[in-house]
Amino acid sequence: MSLPTDAELNAIGVLNRRLIEARIVAPLLEAMSAEFGAERVRDIARTVIESLATAQGAQLAQATGGCSLAHFEHTLDRWKADDALQITVLESTAERFAFDVTRCRYAEMYRELGIPELGAILSCNRDAALIGGFNPDVDFTRTQTIMSGASHCNFVYTLTRATPS
């Protein structure tokens, strides 16, 4: 038996995948927090999820056939599926890709599940790690998120060039 890849699993929609994950992970983290302390358990969960996102970013670059910002931009449909995100692209060049998320159904879902405090750990914190795995020469900046109460999320990806030695 061959297990599906992350890309194949995302065929159900990333929003649905995060819903399934949250319904399993949230009670698990709650039980572990009662036993070992919430802060420590959340730190471990954050580290594990970021590590998974880095690996998924590398797999995504391989699946898309490249790691340019243009390749990355074409992957956004995976996260936007099922009207999960509404975005406004502000800039799209070979060196910089910037957009605002103006509606985030991921944040809405975590609030509806009653776990808004876990939304950042389970979803938002993946973003920097994912692009790091996709292309380590891309810097990621975001100063606000809908998950934390802002009106929009501001994503900026900037290609850096290593200085020859």
N, C-alpha and C. Protein backbone atom coordinates (compact mmCIF):
# COMPACT_ATOMS: atom_id res chain seq x y z
N MET A 1 0.84 -1.17 0.00
CA MET A 1 0.00 0.00 0.00
C MET A 1 0.89 1.24 0.00
N SER A 2 0.55 2.19 -0.84
CA SER A 2 1.29 3.44 -0.92
C SER A 2 0.44 4.54 -0.28
N LEU A 3 1.00 5.19 0.72
CA LEU A 3 0.27 6.26 1.39
C LEU A 3 0.25 7.51 0.54
N PRO A 4 -0.82 8.30 0.63
CA PRO A 4 -0.89 9.54 -0.16
C PRO A 4 0.12 10.56 0.35
N THR A 5 0.62 11.38 -0.56
CA THR A 5 1.52 12.48 -0.19
C THR A 5 0.70 13.61 0.40
N ASP A 6 1.38 14.59 0.98
CA ASP A 6 0.67 15.76 1.51
C ASP A 6 -0.10 16.46 0.40
N ALA A 7 0.49 16.56 -0.78
CA ALA A 7 -0.19 17.20 -1.91
C ALA A 7 -1.47 16.45 -2.26
N GLU A 8 -1.42 15.14 -2.24
CA GLU A 8 -2.61 14.35 -2.52
C GLU A 8 -3.66 14.49 -1.43
N LEU A 9 -3.22 14.55 -0.18
CA LEU A 9 -4.15 14.75 0.92
C LEU A 9 -4.86 16.10 0.80
N ASN A 10 -4.14 17.09 0.28
CA ASN A 10 -4.74 18.41 0.14
C ASN A 10 -5.85 18.45 -0.90
N ALA A 11 -6.04 17.36 -1.64
CA ALA A 11 -7.13 17.30 -2.61
C ALA A 11 -8.49 17.45 -1.92
N ILE A 12 -8.56 17.12 -0.64
CA ILE A 12 -9.82 17.32 0.10
C ILE A 12 -10.01 18.79 0.45
N GLY A 13 -9.01 19.58 0.20
CA GLY A 13 -9.03 21.00 0.55
C GLY A 13 -8.27 21.21 1.84
N VAL A 14 -7.40 22.19 1.85
CA VAL A 14 -6.59 22.43 3.04
C VAL A 14 -7.48 22.85 4.21
N LEU A 15 -8.54 23.61 3.95
CA LEU A 15 -9.45 24.01 5.03
C LEU A 15 -10.06 22.78 5.69
N ASN A 16 -10.54 21.83 4.89
CA ASN A 16 -11.11 20.61 5.46
C ASN A 16 -10.05 19.79 6.18
N ARG A 17 -8.86 19.77 5.63
CA ARG A 17 -7.77 19.04 6.28
C ARG A 17 -7.46 19.64 7.64
N ARG A 18 -7.39 20.98 7.72
CA ARG A 18 -7.12 21.63 9.00
C ARG A 18 -8.26 21.39 10.00
N LEU A 19 -9.49 21.32 9.51
CA LEU A 19 -10.64 21.03 10.39
C LEU A 19 -10.49 19.64 11.00
N ILE A 20 -10.18 18.66 10.17
CA ILE A 20 -9.99 17.29 10.65
C ILE A 20 -8.84 17.25 11.67
N GLU A 21 -7.73 17.88 11.32
CA GLU A 21 -6.57 17.90 12.22
C GLU A 21 -6.93 18.56 13.56
N ALA A 22 -7.62 19.70 13.50
CA ALA A 22 -7.95 20.44 14.72
C ALA A 22 -8.86 19.64 15.64
N ARG A 23 -9.78 18.90 15.06
CA ARG A 23 -10.71 18.11 15.89
C ARG A 23 -10.00 16.97 16.61
N ILE A 24 -8.85 16.58 16.11
CA ILE A 24 -8.06 15.54 16.78
C ILE A 24 -7.02 16.17 17.70
N VAL A 25 -6.31 17.16 17.17
CA VAL A 25 -5.19 17.74 17.91
C VAL A 25 -5.63 18.58 19.12
N ALA A 26 -6.70 19.35 19.00
CA ALA A 26 -7.12 20.22 20.10
C ALA A 26 -7.42 19.44 21.38
N PRO A 27 -8.23 18.37 21.34
CA PRO A 27 -8.46 17.62 22.58
C PRO A 27 -7.19 16.94 23.10
N LEU A 28 -6.34 16.50 22.19
CA LEU A 28 -5.08 15.89 22.59
C LEU A 28 -4.20 16.91 23.33
N LEU A 29 -4.07 18.11 22.75
CA LEU A 29 -3.27 19.15 23.39
C LEU A 29 -3.86 19.57 24.73
N GLU A 30 -5.19 19.62 24.79
CA GLU A 30 -5.86 19.99 26.05
C GLU A 30 -5.55 18.97 27.15
N ALA A 31 -5.66 17.69 26.82
CA ALA A 31 -5.36 16.64 27.80
C ALA A 31 -3.90 16.67 28.22
N MET A 32 -3.02 16.84 27.26
CA MET A 32 -1.60 16.89 27.58
C MET A 32 -1.26 18.14 28.39
N SER A 33 -1.93 19.24 28.10
CA SER A 33 -1.70 20.48 28.86
C SER A 33 -2.08 20.32 30.32
N ALA A 34 -3.18 19.61 30.57
CA ALA A 34 -3.60 19.37 31.95
C ALA A 34 -2.55 18.55 32.71
N GLU A 35 -1.88 17.68 32.00
CA GLU A 35 -0.88 16.81 32.62
C GLU A 35 0.50 17.45 32.72
N PHE A 36 0.92 18.19 31.67
CA PHE A 36 2.29 18.67 31.60
C PHE A 36 2.45 20.18 31.58
N GLY A 37 1.36 20.92 31.52
CA GLY A 37 1.41 22.37 31.46
C GLY A 37 1.19 22.89 30.05
N ALA A 38 0.28 23.85 29.91
CA ALA A 38 -0.12 24.35 28.59
C ALA A 38 1.03 24.97 27.81
N GLU A 39 1.85 25.76 28.46
CA GLU A 39 2.92 26.46 27.74
C GLU A 39 3.91 25.48 27.12
N ARG A 40 4.32 24.49 27.88
CA ARG A 40 5.29 23.51 27.37
C ARG A 40 4.70 22.68 26.23
N VAL A 41 3.45 22.25 26.39
CA VAL A 41 2.80 21.44 25.36
C VAL A 41 2.62 22.25 24.08
N ARG A 42 2.23 23.50 24.20
CA ARG A 42 2.07 24.34 23.01
C ARG A 42 3.41 24.61 22.33
N ASP A 43 4.48 24.78 23.11
CA ASP A 43 5.81 24.97 22.52
C ASP A 43 6.22 23.73 21.71
N ILE A 44 5.96 22.57 22.26
CA ILE A 44 6.30 21.33 21.55
C ILE A 44 5.46 21.20 20.28
N ALA A 45 4.16 21.47 20.40
CA ALA A 45 3.27 21.39 19.23
C ALA A 45 3.72 22.36 18.15
N ARG A 46 4.08 23.57 18.54
CA ARG A 46 4.54 24.59 17.58
C ARG A 46 5.80 24.10 16.85
N THR A 47 6.74 23.56 17.59
CA THR A 47 7.98 23.06 17.00
C THR A 47 7.71 21.92 16.02
N VAL A 48 6.87 20.98 16.40
CA VAL A 48 6.56 19.84 15.54
C VAL A 48 5.84 20.30 14.27
N ILE A 49 4.86 21.18 14.42
CA ILE A 49 4.09 21.65 13.26
C ILE A 49 4.97 22.46 12.32
N GLU A 50 5.85 23.28 12.85
CA GLU A 50 6.77 24.04 11.99
C GLU A 50 7.72 23.11 11.26
N SER A 51 8.18 22.06 11.91
CA SER A 51 9.06 21.08 11.25
C SER A 51 8.33 20.37 10.11
N LEU A 52 7.08 20.00 10.36
CA LEU A 52 6.26 19.39 9.31
C LEU A 52 6.08 20.35 8.14
N ALA A 53 5.83 21.62 8.44
CA ALA A 53 5.61 22.61 7.39
C ALA A 53 6.86 22.82 6.54
N THR A 54 8.03 22.79 7.17
CA THR A 54 9.27 22.91 6.41
C THR A 54 9.41 21.75 5.43
N ALA A 55 9.16 20.55 5.90
CA ALA A 55 9.22 19.37 5.02
C ALA A 55 8.17 19.47 3.92
N GLN A 56 6.98 19.93 4.26
CA GLN A 56 5.92 20.08 3.26
C GLN A 56 6.30 21.13 2.22
N GLY A 57 6.98 22.18 2.64
CA GLY A 57 7.44 23.20 1.69
C GLY A 57 8.41 22.61 0.68
N ALA A 58 9.33 21.78 1.13
CA ALA A 58 10.28 21.13 0.23
C ALA A 58 9.55 20.20 -0.73
N GLN A 59 8.58 19.46 -0.22
CA GLN A 59 7.77 18.58 -1.08
C GLN A 59 6.98 19.39 -2.10
N LEU A 60 6.49 20.53 -1.69
CA LEU A 60 5.70 21.39 -2.58
C LEU A 60 6.57 21.92 -3.72
N ALA A 61 7.79 22.33 -3.41
CA ALA A 61 8.71 22.80 -4.46
C ALA A 61 8.99 21.69 -5.45
N GLN A 62 9.19 20.50 -4.94
CA GLN A 62 9.46 19.36 -5.82
C GLN A 62 8.22 19.07 -6.68
N ALA A 63 7.04 19.10 -6.09
CA ALA A 63 5.81 18.79 -6.82
C ALA A 63 5.49 19.84 -7.88
N THR A 64 5.87 21.11 -7.63
CA THR A 64 5.57 22.17 -8.59
C THR A 64 6.67 22.34 -9.63
N GLY A 65 7.78 21.64 -9.45
CA GLY A 65 8.85 21.69 -10.43
C GLY A 65 9.75 22.90 -10.33
N GLY A 66 9.73 23.58 -9.19
CA GLY A 66 10.61 24.73 -9.01
C GLY A 66 10.33 25.43 -7.70
N CYS A 67 11.21 26.36 -7.35
CA CYS A 67 11.07 27.04 -6.07
C CYS A 67 11.11 28.56 -6.22
N SER A 68 10.76 29.06 -7.40
CA SER A 68 10.72 30.51 -7.60
C SER A 68 9.46 31.07 -6.93
N LEU A 69 9.42 32.38 -6.78
CA LEU A 69 8.22 33.01 -6.24
C LEU A 69 7.02 32.80 -7.16
N ALA A 70 7.26 32.73 -8.46
CA ALA A 70 6.17 32.44 -9.41
C ALA A 70 5.62 31.04 -9.17
N HIS A 71 6.51 30.08 -8.94
CA HIS A 71 6.06 28.72 -8.61
C HIS A 71 5.23 28.75 -7.34
N PHE A 72 5.73 29.48 -6.34
CA PHE A 72 5.01 29.56 -5.06
C PHE A 72 3.64 30.21 -5.24
N GLU A 73 3.59 31.28 -6.01
CA GLU A 73 2.32 31.98 -6.23
C GLU A 73 1.27 31.02 -6.81
N HIS A 74 1.70 30.14 -7.69
CA HIS A 74 0.76 29.20 -8.30
C HIS A 74 0.25 28.14 -7.32
N THR A 75 0.89 28.01 -6.17
CA THR A 75 0.42 27.03 -5.19
C THR A 75 -0.70 27.57 -4.31
N LEU A 76 -0.94 28.88 -4.35
CA LEU A 76 -1.91 29.47 -3.44
C LEU A 76 -3.32 28.92 -3.61
N ASP A 77 -3.63 28.41 -4.79
CA ASP A 77 -4.96 27.84 -5.00
C ASP A 77 -5.27 26.73 -4.00
N ARG A 78 -4.25 26.04 -3.54
CA ARG A 78 -4.44 24.97 -2.55
C ARG A 78 -5.03 25.51 -1.26
N TRP A 79 -4.55 26.67 -0.81
CA TRP A 79 -5.01 27.25 0.44
C TRP A 79 -6.28 28.06 0.26
N LYS A 80 -6.55 28.50 -0.96
CA LYS A 80 -7.74 29.28 -1.26
C LYS A 80 -8.95 28.40 -1.58
N ALA A 81 -8.75 27.10 -1.80
CA ALA A 81 -9.83 26.20 -2.17
C ALA A 81 -10.97 26.30 -1.16
N ASP A 82 -12.18 26.11 -1.64
CA ASP A 82 -13.39 26.19 -0.82
C ASP A 82 -13.60 27.59 -0.25
N ASP A 83 -13.10 28.59 -0.98
CA ASP A 83 -13.22 29.98 -0.55
C ASP A 83 -12.61 30.21 0.84
N ALA A 84 -11.55 29.45 1.13
CA ALA A 84 -10.92 29.51 2.44
C ALA A 84 -10.20 30.83 2.70
N LEU A 85 -9.64 31.42 1.64
CA LEU A 85 -8.96 32.71 1.76
C LEU A 85 -9.41 33.62 0.63
N GLN A 86 -9.58 34.87 0.96
CA GLN A 86 -9.76 35.90 -0.06
C GLN A 86 -8.53 36.79 0.03
N ILE A 87 -7.85 36.93 -1.11
CA ILE A 87 -6.60 37.68 -1.10
C ILE A 87 -6.62 38.77 -2.15
N THR A 88 -5.80 39.78 -1.89
CA THR A 88 -5.54 40.84 -2.85
C THR A 88 -4.04 40.87 -3.08
N VAL A 89 -3.62 40.56 -4.31
CA VAL A 89 -2.19 40.58 -4.63
C VAL A 89 -1.77 42.03 -4.79
N LEU A 90 -0.71 42.40 -4.08
CA LEU A 90 -0.20 43.77 -4.11
C LEU A 90 1.01 43.90 -5.03
N GLU A 91 1.80 42.82 -5.13
CA GLU A 91 3.00 42.85 -5.96
C GLU A 91 3.38 41.42 -6.31
N SER A 92 3.76 41.24 -7.57
CA SER A 92 4.17 39.91 -8.02
C SER A 92 5.28 40.07 -9.04
N THR A 93 6.52 39.94 -8.56
CA THR A 93 7.70 40.02 -9.43
C THR A 93 8.59 38.82 -9.12
N ALA A 94 9.67 38.70 -9.85
CA ALA A 94 10.60 37.60 -9.61
C ALA A 94 11.27 37.72 -8.24
N GLU A 95 11.36 38.95 -7.71
CA GLU A 95 12.05 39.18 -6.44
C GLU A 95 11.12 39.37 -5.24
N ARG A 96 9.84 39.65 -5.51
CA ARG A 96 8.95 39.97 -4.39
C ARG A 96 7.52 39.56 -4.72
N PHE A 97 6.87 38.94 -3.75
CA PHE A 97 5.47 38.56 -3.86
C PHE A 97 4.79 39.01 -2.58
N ALA A 98 3.82 39.90 -2.72
CA ALA A 98 3.13 40.44 -1.55
C ALA A 98 1.62 40.40 -1.78
N PHE A 99 0.90 40.03 -0.75
CA PHE A 99 -0.55 40.03 -0.83
C PHE A 99 -1.14 40.21 0.56
N ASP A 100 -2.39 40.65 0.59
CA ASP A 100 -3.15 40.75 1.83
C ASP A 100 -4.24 39.69 1.81
N VAL A 101 -4.45 39.04 2.93
CA VAL A 101 -5.60 38.17 3.11
C VAL A 101 -6.68 39.01 3.76
N THR A 102 -7.80 39.15 3.08
CA THR A 102 -8.89 40.01 3.59
C THR A 102 -10.01 39.21 4.24
N ARG A 103 -10.04 37.92 4.00
CA ARG A 103 -10.95 37.01 4.71
C ARG A 103 -10.23 35.69 4.89
N CYS A 104 -10.33 35.15 6.10
CA CYS A 104 -9.66 33.90 6.43
C CYS A 104 -10.65 32.96 7.10
N ARG A 105 -11.11 32.00 6.34
CA ARG A 105 -12.04 31.02 6.91
C ARG A 105 -11.34 30.08 7.88
N TYR A 106 -10.01 30.00 7.81
CA TYR A 106 -9.27 29.22 8.80
C TYR A 106 -9.48 29.84 10.18
N ALA A 107 -9.30 31.14 10.28
CA ALA A 107 -9.51 31.84 11.56
C ALA A 107 -10.96 31.68 12.01
N GLU A 108 -11.89 31.81 11.08
CA GLU A 108 -13.31 31.66 11.42
C GLU A 108 -13.58 30.25 11.96
N MET A 109 -12.98 29.24 11.33
CA MET A 109 -13.17 27.86 11.75
C MET A 109 -12.63 27.63 13.16
N TYR A 110 -11.42 28.12 13.45
CA TYR A 110 -10.85 27.91 14.78
C TYR A 110 -11.69 28.61 15.84
N ARG A 111 -12.22 29.78 15.52
CA ARG A 111 -13.12 30.46 16.47
C ARG A 111 -14.39 29.66 16.68
N GLU A 112 -14.96 29.14 15.60
CA GLU A 112 -16.19 28.35 15.69
C GLU A 112 -15.96 27.07 16.50
N LEU A 113 -14.78 26.48 16.39
CA LEU A 113 -14.44 25.29 17.17
C LEU A 113 -14.17 25.62 18.62
N GLY A 114 -14.04 26.91 18.94
CA GLY A 114 -13.76 27.33 20.31
C GLY A 114 -12.30 27.24 20.68
N ILE A 115 -11.42 27.24 19.67
CA ILE A 115 -9.98 27.13 19.94
C ILE A 115 -9.20 28.23 19.20
N PRO A 116 -9.63 29.48 19.32
CA PRO A 116 -8.91 30.53 18.58
C PRO A 116 -7.46 30.65 19.00
N GLU A 117 -7.14 30.30 20.23
CA GLU A 117 -5.75 30.40 20.70
C GLU A 117 -4.85 29.37 20.03
N LEU A 118 -5.42 28.30 19.50
CA LEU A 118 -4.62 27.29 18.81
C LEU A 118 -4.49 27.56 17.31
N GLY A 119 -5.31 28.46 16.78
CA GLY A 119 -5.28 28.74 15.35
C GLY A 119 -3.92 29.14 14.83
N ALA A 120 -3.24 29.99 15.59
CA ALA A 120 -1.90 30.43 15.16
C ALA A 120 -0.94 29.25 15.14
N ILE A 121 -1.01 28.39 16.14
CA ILE A 121 -0.10 27.24 16.20
C ILE A 121 -0.41 26.26 15.07
N LEU A 122 -1.68 25.99 14.84
CA LEU A 122 -2.08 24.97 13.88
C LEU A 122 -2.04 25.44 12.43
N SER A 123 -2.12 26.76 12.21
CA SER A 123 -2.14 27.26 10.84
C SER A 123 -1.14 28.38 10.58
N CYS A 124 -1.30 29.52 11.23
CA CYS A 124 -0.48 30.70 10.91
C CYS A 124 1.03 30.44 11.01
N ASN A 125 1.44 29.72 12.04
CA ASN A 125 2.87 29.50 12.25
C ASN A 125 3.50 28.61 11.19
N ARG A 126 2.70 27.98 10.37
CA ARG A 126 3.23 27.14 9.29
C ARG A 126 3.84 27.98 8.17
N ASP A 127 3.36 29.22 8.00
CA ASP A 127 3.69 30.01 6.82
C ASP A 127 5.19 30.26 6.65
N ALA A 128 5.86 30.71 7.68
CA ALA A 128 7.30 30.99 7.58
C ALA A 128 8.08 29.69 7.36
N ALA A 129 7.69 28.65 8.07
CA ALA A 129 8.39 27.37 7.93
C ALA A 129 8.16 26.77 6.54
N LEU A 130 6.96 26.90 6.01
CA LEU A 130 6.65 26.35 4.69
C LEU A 130 7.53 27.00 3.62
N ILE A 131 7.62 28.33 3.62
CA ILE A 131 8.42 28.99 2.58
C ILE A 131 9.91 28.68 2.81
N GLY A 132 10.32 28.49 4.05
CA GLY A 132 11.70 28.10 4.32
C GLY A 132 12.05 26.76 3.70
N GLY A 133 11.11 25.83 3.70
CA GLY A 133 11.32 24.55 3.06
C GLY A 133 11.18 24.63 1.56
N PHE A 134 10.30 25.51 1.09
CA PHE A 134 10.07 25.68 -0.34
C PHE A 134 11.30 26.30 -1.01
N ASN A 135 11.83 27.37 -0.38
CA ASN A 135 13.03 28.03 -0.90
C ASN A 135 13.68 28.79 0.25
N PRO A 136 14.79 28.29 0.78
CA PRO A 136 15.44 28.95 1.92
C PRO A 136 16.00 30.33 1.59
N ASP A 137 16.03 30.71 0.30
CA ASP A 137 16.50 32.04 -0.09
C ASP A 137 15.37 33.05 -0.18
N VAL A 138 14.22 32.72 0.38
CA VAL A 138 13.08 33.65 0.41
C VAL A 138 12.83 34.04 1.85
N ASP A 139 12.83 35.35 2.11
CA ASP A 139 12.48 35.87 3.43
C ASP A 139 10.98 36.09 3.48
N PHE A 140 10.40 35.80 4.63
CA PHE A 140 8.96 35.97 4.83
C PHE A 140 8.72 36.99 5.93
N THR A 141 7.82 37.93 5.66
CA THR A 141 7.45 38.93 6.66
C THR A 141 5.94 39.01 6.73
N ARG A 142 5.44 39.05 7.95
CA ARG A 142 4.02 39.30 8.19
C ARG A 142 3.93 39.98 9.54
N THR A 143 3.30 41.13 9.59
CA THR A 143 3.25 41.88 10.84
C THR A 143 1.90 41.79 11.54
N GLN A 144 0.90 41.21 10.86
CA GLN A 144 -0.41 41.11 11.50
C GLN A 144 -1.21 39.97 10.87
N THR A 145 -2.14 39.43 11.66
CA THR A 145 -3.00 38.37 11.16
C THR A 145 -4.44 38.59 11.60
N ILE A 146 -5.34 38.09 10.79
CA ILE A 146 -6.76 38.09 11.16
C ILE A 146 -6.94 37.23 12.41
N MET A 147 -6.18 36.14 12.50
CA MET A 147 -6.27 35.24 13.65
C MET A 147 -6.02 35.98 14.96
N SER A 148 -5.13 36.98 14.93
CA SER A 148 -4.83 37.73 16.15
C SER A 148 -5.69 38.98 16.28
N GLY A 149 -6.68 39.14 15.40
CA GLY A 149 -7.63 40.25 15.54
C GLY A 149 -7.46 41.40 14.57
N ALA A 150 -6.47 41.33 13.68
CA ALA A 150 -6.26 42.41 12.71
C ALA A 150 -7.34 42.32 11.61
N SER A 151 -7.46 43.39 10.85
CA SER A 151 -8.44 43.43 9.76
C SER A 151 -8.02 42.57 8.58
N HIS A 152 -6.71 42.33 8.45
CA HIS A 152 -6.20 41.51 7.36
C HIS A 152 -4.81 40.98 7.74
N CYS A 153 -4.37 40.00 6.98
CA CYS A 153 -3.01 39.47 7.13
C CYS A 153 -2.17 40.05 5.99
N ASN A 154 -0.97 40.47 6.29
CA ASN A 154 -0.10 41.04 5.26
C ASN A 154 1.11 40.14 5.04
N PHE A 155 1.13 39.47 3.89
CA PHE A 155 2.19 38.53 3.53
C PHE A 155 3.16 39.21 2.57
N VAL A 156 4.45 39.10 2.86
CA VAL A 156 5.48 39.59 1.95
C VAL A 156 6.59 38.55 1.87
N TYR A 157 6.85 38.10 0.65
CA TYR A 157 7.92 37.14 0.37
C TYR A 157 8.96 37.87 -0.47
N THR A 158 10.20 37.85 -0.05
CA THR A 158 11.27 38.56 -0.77
C THR A 158 12.42 37.59 -1.05
N LEU A 159 12.77 37.49 -2.31
CA LEU A 159 13.89 36.65 -2.71
C LEU A 159 15.19 37.35 -2.32
N THR A 160 16.04 36.66 -1.61
CA THR A 160 17.36 37.21 -1.23
C THR A 160 18.41 36.52 -2.10
N ARG A 161 19.47 37.21 -2.32
CA ARG A 161 20.55 36.63 -3.12
C ARG A 161 21.80 36.55 -2.24
N ALA A 162 22.38 35.39 -2.24
CA ALA A 162 23.60 35.21 -1.46
C ALA A 162 24.74 35.97 -2.12
N THR A 163 25.54 36.63 -1.32
CA THR A 163 26.71 37.35 -1.83
C THR A 163 27.81 36.35 -2.13
N PRO A 164 28.36 36.38 -3.34
CA PRO A 164 29.45 35.44 -3.65
C PRO A 164 30.64 35.65 -2.75
N SER A 165 31.28 34.56 -2.35
CA SER A 165 32.43 34.70 -1.44
C SER A 165 33.73 34.78 -2.19
